[in-house]
Amino acid sequence: MIQLTRLNGQNFVVNAEKIRMVESTPDTVVCCETGERLMVKETLHEVVQRAIEYGRLLRRPLTE
């Protein structure tokens, strides 16, 4: 899960594995597999970086 911020300042979490697409129009819009579109304060780059970090966290070796 990654934490994001709605345009009204409310924080929420989304399952990064369910994100289908992220676009900047100029607001950042996160499009989920369900078709839901979420406008967030974070930049496209920030959302992508958080999703990458989440993926790395899930796939790291258990012996660390």
PDB file of N, CA and C in Angstrom:
ATOM      1  N   MET A   1       0.850  -1.173   0.000  1.00  0.00           N
ATOM      2  CA  MET A   1       0.000   0.000   0.000  1.00  0.00           C
ATOM      3  C   MET A   1       0.898   1.239   0.000  1.00  0.00           C
ATOM      4  N   ILE A   2       0.458   2.272  -0.712  1.00  0.00           N
ATOM      5  CA  ILE A   2       1.180   3.539  -0.694  1.00  0.00           C
ATOM      6  C   ILE A   2       0.235   4.633  -0.233  1.00  0.00           C
ATOM      7  N   GLN A   3       0.784   5.592   0.493  1.00  0.00           N
ATOM      8  CA  GLN A   3      -0.024   6.704   0.990  1.00  0.00           C
ATOM      9  C   GLN A   3       0.038   7.854   0.002  1.00  0.00           C
ATOM     10  N   LEU A   4      -1.138   8.399  -0.311  1.00  0.00           N
ATOM     11  CA  LEU A   4      -1.266   9.537  -1.223  1.00  0.00           C
ATOM     12  C   LEU A   4      -2.151  10.587  -0.562  1.00  0.00           C
ATOM     13  N   THR A   5      -2.248  11.758  -1.200  1.00  0.00           N
ATOM     14  CA  THR A   5      -3.011  12.862  -0.648  1.00  0.00           C
ATOM     15  C   THR A   5      -4.017  13.367  -1.677  1.00  0.00           C
ATOM     16  N   ARG A   6      -5.283  13.421  -1.285  1.00  0.00           N
ATOM     17  CA  ARG A   6      -6.309  13.993  -2.164  1.00  0.00           C
ATOM     18  C   ARG A   6      -6.069  15.494  -2.302  1.00  0.00           C
ATOM     19  N   LEU A   7      -6.678  16.126  -3.283  1.00  0.00           N
ATOM     20  CA  LEU A   7      -6.497  17.552  -3.484  1.00  0.00           C
ATOM     21  C   LEU A   7      -6.990  18.378  -2.301  1.00  0.00           C
ATOM     22  N   ASN A   8      -7.929  17.818  -1.518  1.00  0.00           N
ATOM     23  CA  ASN A   8      -8.440  18.535  -0.338  1.00  0.00           C
ATOM     24  C   ASN A   8      -7.550  18.345   0.889  1.00  0.00           C
ATOM     25  N   GLY A   9      -6.422  17.638   0.732  1.00  0.00           N
ATOM     26  CA  GLY A   9      -5.477  17.429   1.824  1.00  0.00           C
ATOM     27  C   GLY A   9      -5.678  16.145   2.607  1.00  0.00           C
ATOM     28  N   GLN A  10      -6.720  15.390   2.300  1.00  0.00           N
ATOM     29  CA  GLN A  10      -7.004  14.142   3.022  1.00  0.00           C
ATOM     30  C   GLN A  10      -6.063  13.034   2.544  1.00  0.00           C
ATOM     31  N   ASN A  11      -5.405  12.379   3.497  1.00  0.00           N
ATOM     32  CA  ASN A  11      -4.519  11.258   3.176  1.00  0.00           C
ATOM     33  C   ASN A  11      -5.329   9.978   3.007  1.00  0.00           C
ATOM     34  N   PHE A  12      -4.848   9.106   2.129  1.00  0.00           N
ATOM     35  CA  PHE A  12      -5.466   7.792   1.946  1.00  0.00           C
ATOM     36  C   PHE A  12      -4.401   6.841   1.435  1.00  0.00           C
ATOM     37  N   VAL A  13      -4.694   5.552   1.460  1.00  0.00           N
ATOM     38  CA  VAL A  13      -3.757   4.568   0.929  1.00  0.00           C
ATOM     39  C   VAL A  13      -4.419   3.810  -0.218  1.00  0.00           C
ATOM     40  N   VAL A  14      -3.591   3.392  -1.136  1.00  0.00           N
ATOM     41  CA  VAL A  14      -4.069   2.632  -2.285  1.00  0.00           C
ATOM     42  C   VAL A  14      -3.101   1.466  -2.499  1.00  0.00           C
ATOM     43  N   ASN A  15      -3.633   0.348  -2.936  1.00  0.00           N
ATOM     44  CA  ASN A  15      -2.804  -0.809  -3.243  1.00  0.00           C
ATOM     45  C   ASN A  15      -2.068  -0.518  -4.549  1.00  0.00           C
ATOM     46  N   ALA A  16      -0.759  -0.356  -4.455  1.00  0.00           N
ATOM     47  CA  ALA A  16       0.038   0.003  -5.629  1.00  0.00           C
ATOM     48  C   ALA A  16      -0.050  -1.050  -6.727  1.00  0.00           C
ATOM     49  N   GLU A  17      -0.330  -2.288  -6.368  1.00  0.00           N
ATOM     50  CA  GLU A  17      -0.448  -3.346  -7.375  1.00  0.00           C
ATOM     51  C   GLU A  17      -1.743  -3.241  -8.185  1.00  0.00           C
ATOM     52  N   LYS A  18      -2.676  -2.434  -7.727  1.00  0.00           N
ATOM     53  CA  LYS A  18      -3.950  -2.261  -8.427  1.00  0.00           C
ATOM     54  C   LYS A  18      -3.970  -1.002  -9.297  1.00  0.00           C
ATOM     55  N   ILE A  19      -2.838  -0.259  -9.315  1.00  0.00           N
ATOM     56  CA  ILE A  19      -2.751   0.933 -10.161  1.00  0.00           C
ATOM     57  C   ILE A  19      -2.501   0.489 -11.592  1.00  0.00           C
ATOM     58  N   ARG A  20      -3.324   0.969 -12.483  1.00  0.00           N
ATOM     59  CA  ARG A  20      -3.214   0.611 -13.896  1.00  0.00           C
ATOM     60  C   ARG A  20      -2.410   1.649 -14.660  1.00  0.00           C
ATOM     61  N   MET A  21      -2.606   2.948 -14.284  1.00  0.00           N
ATOM     62  CA  MET A  21      -1.961   4.017 -15.018  1.00  0.00           C
ATOM     63  C   MET A  21      -1.921   5.262 -14.137  1.00  0.00           C
ATOM     64  N   VAL A  22      -0.906   6.094 -14.331  1.00  0.00           N
ATOM     65  CA  VAL A  22      -0.811   7.389 -13.658  1.00  0.00           C
ATOM     66  C   VAL A  22      -0.562   8.413 -14.753  1.00  0.00           C
ATOM     67  N   GLU A  23      -1.329   9.509 -14.724  1.00  0.00           N
ATOM     68  CA  GLU A  23      -1.146  10.546 -15.740  1.00  0.00           C
ATOM     69  C   GLU A  23      -1.124  11.918 -15.093  1.00  0.00           C
ATOM     70  N   SER A  24      -0.535  12.872 -15.787  1.00  0.00           N
ATOM     71  CA  SER A  24      -0.456  14.239 -15.312  1.00  0.00           C
ATOM     72  C   SER A  24      -1.201  15.122 -16.308  1.00  0.00           C
ATOM     73  N   THR A  25      -2.316  15.748 -15.866  1.00  0.00           N
ATOM     74  CA  THR A  25      -3.212  16.417 -16.823  1.00  0.00           C
ATOM     75  C   THR A  25      -3.651  17.831 -16.454  1.00  0.00           C
ATOM     76  N   PRO A  26      -3.090  18.786 -15.834  1.00  0.00           N
ATOM     77  CA  PRO A  26      -1.806  18.784 -15.152  1.00  0.00           C
ATOM     78  C   PRO A  26      -1.867  18.182 -13.753  1.00  0.00           C
ATOM     79  N   ASP A  27      -3.077  18.026 -13.168  1.00  0.00           N
ATOM     80  CA  ASP A  27      -3.155  17.334 -11.877  1.00  0.00           C
ATOM     81  C   ASP A  27      -2.797  15.869 -12.091  1.00  0.00           C
ATOM     82  N   THR A  28      -2.247  15.249 -11.072  1.00  0.00           N
ATOM     83  CA  THR A  28      -1.888  13.836 -11.170  1.00  0.00           C
ATOM     84  C   THR A  28      -3.138  12.997 -10.928  1.00  0.00           C
ATOM     85  N   VAL A  29      -3.414  12.100 -11.854  1.00  0.00           N
ATOM     86  CA  VAL A  29      -4.573  11.224 -11.771  1.00  0.00           C
ATOM     87  C   VAL A  29      -4.089   9.781 -11.739  1.00  0.00           C
ATOM     88  N   VAL A  30      -4.508   9.057 -10.696  1.00  0.00           N
ATOM     89  CA  VAL A  30      -4.167   7.644 -10.547  1.00  0.00           C
ATOM     90  C   VAL A  30      -5.381   6.849 -11.013  1.00  0.00           C
ATOM     91  N   CYS A  31      -5.189   6.003 -12.023  1.00  0.00           N
ATOM     92  CA  CYS A  31      -6.270   5.183 -12.565  1.00  0.00           C
ATOM     93  C   CYS A  31      -6.071   3.748 -12.078  1.00  0.00           C
ATOM     94  N   CYS A  32      -7.093   3.205 -11.440  1.00  0.00           N
ATOM     95  CA  CYS A  32      -7.015   1.857 -10.869  1.00  0.00           C
ATOM     96  C   CYS A  32      -7.642   0.828 -11.801  1.00  0.00           C
ATOM     97  N   GLU A  33      -7.358  -0.438 -11.532  1.00  0.00           N
ATOM     98  CA  GLU A  33      -7.919  -1.538 -12.320  1.00  0.00           C
ATOM     99  C   GLU A  33      -9.440  -1.506 -12.353  1.00  0.00           C
ATOM    100  N   THR A  34     -10.054  -0.995 -11.284  1.00  0.00           N
ATOM    101  CA  THR A  34     -11.516  -0.959 -11.179  1.00  0.00           C
ATOM    102  C   THR A  34     -12.137   0.140 -12.042  1.00  0.00           C
ATOM    103  N   GLY A  35     -11.289   1.020 -12.617  1.00  0.00           N
ATOM    104  CA  GLY A  35     -11.779   2.138 -13.392  1.00  0.00           C
ATOM    105  C   GLY A  35     -11.872   3.415 -12.574  1.00  0.00           C
ATOM    106  N   GLU A  36     -11.653   3.299 -11.259  1.00  0.00           N
ATOM    107  CA  GLU A  36     -11.690   4.472 -10.397  1.00  0.00           C
ATOM    108  C   GLU A  36     -10.514   5.390 -10.737  1.00  0.00           C
ATOM    109  N   ARG A  37     -10.801   6.700 -10.765  1.00  0.00           N
ATOM    110  CA  ARG A  37      -9.769   7.696 -11.051  1.00  0.00           C
ATOM    111  C   ARG A  37      -9.627   8.598  -9.833  1.00  0.00           C
ATOM    112  N   LEU A  38      -8.416   8.699  -9.309  1.00  0.00           N
ATOM    113  CA  LEU A  38      -8.153   9.450  -8.095  1.00  0.00           C
ATOM    114  C   LEU A  38      -7.204  10.602  -8.398  1.00  0.00           C
ATOM    115  N   MET A  39      -7.633  11.835  -8.130  1.00  0.00           N
ATOM    116  CA  MET A  39      -6.759  12.994  -8.310  1.00  0.00           C
ATOM    117  C   MET A  39      -5.984  13.199  -7.016  1.00  0.00           C
ATOM    118  N   VAL A  40      -4.662  13.350  -7.134  1.00  0.00           N
ATOM    119  CA  VAL A  40      -3.803  13.457  -5.957  1.00  0.00           C
ATOM    120  C   VAL A  40      -2.869  14.652  -6.072  1.00  0.00           C
ATOM    121  N   LYS A  41      -2.367  15.095  -4.902  1.00  0.00           N
ATOM    122  CA  LYS A  41      -1.434  16.220  -4.854  1.00  0.00           C
ATOM    123  C   LYS A  41      -0.034  15.845  -5.321  1.00  0.00           C
ATOM    124  N   GLU A  42       0.354  14.592  -5.111  1.00  0.00           N
ATOM    125  CA  GLU A  42       1.694  14.154  -5.473  1.00  0.00           C
ATOM    126  C   GLU A  42       1.906  14.254  -6.978  1.00  0.00           C
ATOM    127  N   THR A  43       3.164  14.450  -7.360  1.00  0.00           N
ATOM    128  CA  THR A  43       3.487  14.467  -8.785  1.00  0.00           C
ATOM    129  C   THR A  43       3.474  13.049  -9.335  1.00  0.00           C
ATOM    130  N   LEU A  44       3.435  12.947 -10.640  1.00  0.00           N
ATOM    131  CA  LEU A  44       3.495  11.645 -11.305  1.00  0.00           C
ATOM    132  C   LEU A  44       4.761  10.911 -10.857  1.00  0.00           C
ATOM    133  N   HIS A  45       5.877  11.610 -10.814  1.00  0.00           N
ATOM    134  CA  HIS A  45       7.147  11.005 -10.407  1.00  0.00           C
ATOM    135  C   HIS A  45       7.075  10.472  -8.973  1.00  0.00           C
ATOM    136  N   GLU A  46       6.468  11.222  -8.055  1.00  0.00           N
ATOM    137  CA  GLU A  46       6.358  10.774  -6.663  1.00  0.00           C
ATOM    138  C   GLU A  46       5.520   9.501  -6.549  1.00  0.00           C
ATOM    139  N   VAL A  47       4.422   9.443  -7.286  1.00  0.00           N
ATOM    140  CA  VAL A  47       3.558   8.249  -7.244  1.00  0.00           C
ATOM    141  C   VAL A  47       4.324   7.041  -7.783  1.00  0.00           C
ATOM    142  N   VAL A  48       5.030   7.226  -8.880  1.00  0.00           N
ATOM    143  CA  VAL A  48       5.798   6.130  -9.463  1.00  0.00           C
ATOM    144  C   VAL A  48       6.886   5.668  -8.489  1.00  0.00           C
ATOM    145  N   GLN A  49       7.603   6.602  -7.880  1.00  0.00           N
ATOM    146  CA  GLN A  49       8.659   6.244  -6.931  1.00  0.00           C
ATOM    147  C   GLN A  49       8.099   5.468  -5.745  1.00  0.00           C
ATOM    148  N   ARG A  50       6.951   5.881  -5.213  1.00  0.00           N
ATOM    149  CA  ARG A  50       6.345   5.172  -4.087  1.00  0.00           C
ATOM    150  C   ARG A  50       5.930   3.763  -4.494  1.00  0.00           C
ATOM    151  N   ALA A  51       5.405   3.618  -5.702  1.00  0.00           N
ATOM    152  CA  ALA A  51       5.003   2.292  -6.180  1.00  0.00           C
ATOM    153  C   ALA A  51       6.227   1.390  -6.347  1.00  0.00           C
ATOM    154  N   ILE A  52       7.318   1.952  -6.850  1.00  0.00           N
ATOM    155  CA  ILE A  52       8.551   1.177  -7.010  1.00  0.00           C
ATOM    156  C   ILE A  52       9.091   0.746  -5.650  1.00  0.00           C
ATOM    157  N   GLU A  53       9.125   1.668  -4.689  1.00  0.00           N
ATOM    158  CA  GLU A  53       9.603   1.346  -3.342  1.00  0.00           C
ATOM    159  C   GLU A  53       8.740   0.257  -2.701  1.00  0.00           C
ATOM    160  N   TYR A  54       7.424   0.331  -2.911  1.00  0.00           N
ATOM    161  CA  TYR A  54       6.516  -0.681  -2.384  1.00  0.00           C
ATOM    162  C   TYR A  54       6.830  -2.042  -2.998  1.00  0.00           C
ATOM    163  N   GLY A  55       7.017  -2.072  -4.308  1.00  0.00           N
ATOM    164  CA  GLY A  55       7.350  -3.326  -4.986  1.00  0.00           C
ATOM    165  C   GLY A  55       8.655  -3.922  -4.489  1.00  0.00           C
ATOM    166  N   ARG A  56       9.639  -3.067  -4.273  1.00  0.00           N
ATOM    167  CA  ARG A  56      10.928  -3.545  -3.754  1.00  0.00           C
ATOM    168  C   ARG A  56      10.785  -4.103  -2.343  1.00  0.00           C
ATOM    169  N   LEU A  57       9.971  -3.445  -1.533  1.00  0.00           N
ATOM    170  CA  LEU A  57       9.730  -3.906  -0.169  1.00  0.00           C
ATOM    171  C   LEU A  57       9.117  -5.307  -0.176  1.00  0.00           C
ATOM    172  N   LEU A  58       8.171  -5.538  -1.077  1.00  0.00           N
ATOM    173  CA  LEU A  58       7.519  -6.850  -1.161  1.00  0.00           C
ATOM    174  C   LEU A  58       8.460  -7.940  -1.646  1.00  0.00           C
ATOM    175  N   ARG A  59       9.403  -7.586  -2.468  1.00  0.00           N
ATOM    176  CA  ARG A  59      10.249  -8.585  -3.119  1.00  0.00           C
ATOM    177  C   ARG A  59      11.637  -8.738  -2.489  1.00  0.00           C
ATOM    178  N   ARG A  60      11.909  -8.031  -1.407  1.00  0.00           N
ATOM    179  CA  ARG A  60      13.232  -8.146  -0.787  1.00  0.00           C
ATOM    180  C   ARG A  60      13.353  -9.505  -0.073  1.00  0.00           C
ATOM    181  N   PRO A  61      14.568  -9.984   0.011  1.00  0.00           N
ATOM    182  CA  PRO A  61      14.792 -11.273   0.689  1.00  0.00           C
ATOM    183  C   PRO A  61      14.401 -11.191   2.169  1.00  0.00           C
ATOM    184  N   LEU A  62      13.895 -12.269   2.700  1.00  0.00           N
ATOM    185  CA  LEU A  62      13.475 -12.311   4.094  1.00  0.00           C
ATOM    186  C   LEU A  62      14.662 -12.333   5.049  1.00  0.00           C
ATOM    187  N   THR A  63      15.835 -12.643   4.574  1.00  0.00           N
ATOM    188  CA  THR A  63      17.005 -12.786   5.433  1.00  0.00           C
ATOM    189  C   THR A  63      17.690 -11.460   5.750  1.00  0.00           C
ATOM    190  N   GLU A  64      17.220 -10.339   5.221  1.00  0.00           N
ATOM    191  CA  GLU A  64      17.854  -9.041   5.502  1.00  0.00           C
ATOM    192  C   GLU A  64      17.598  -8.602   6.915  1.00  0.00           C
TER     193      GLU A  64
END
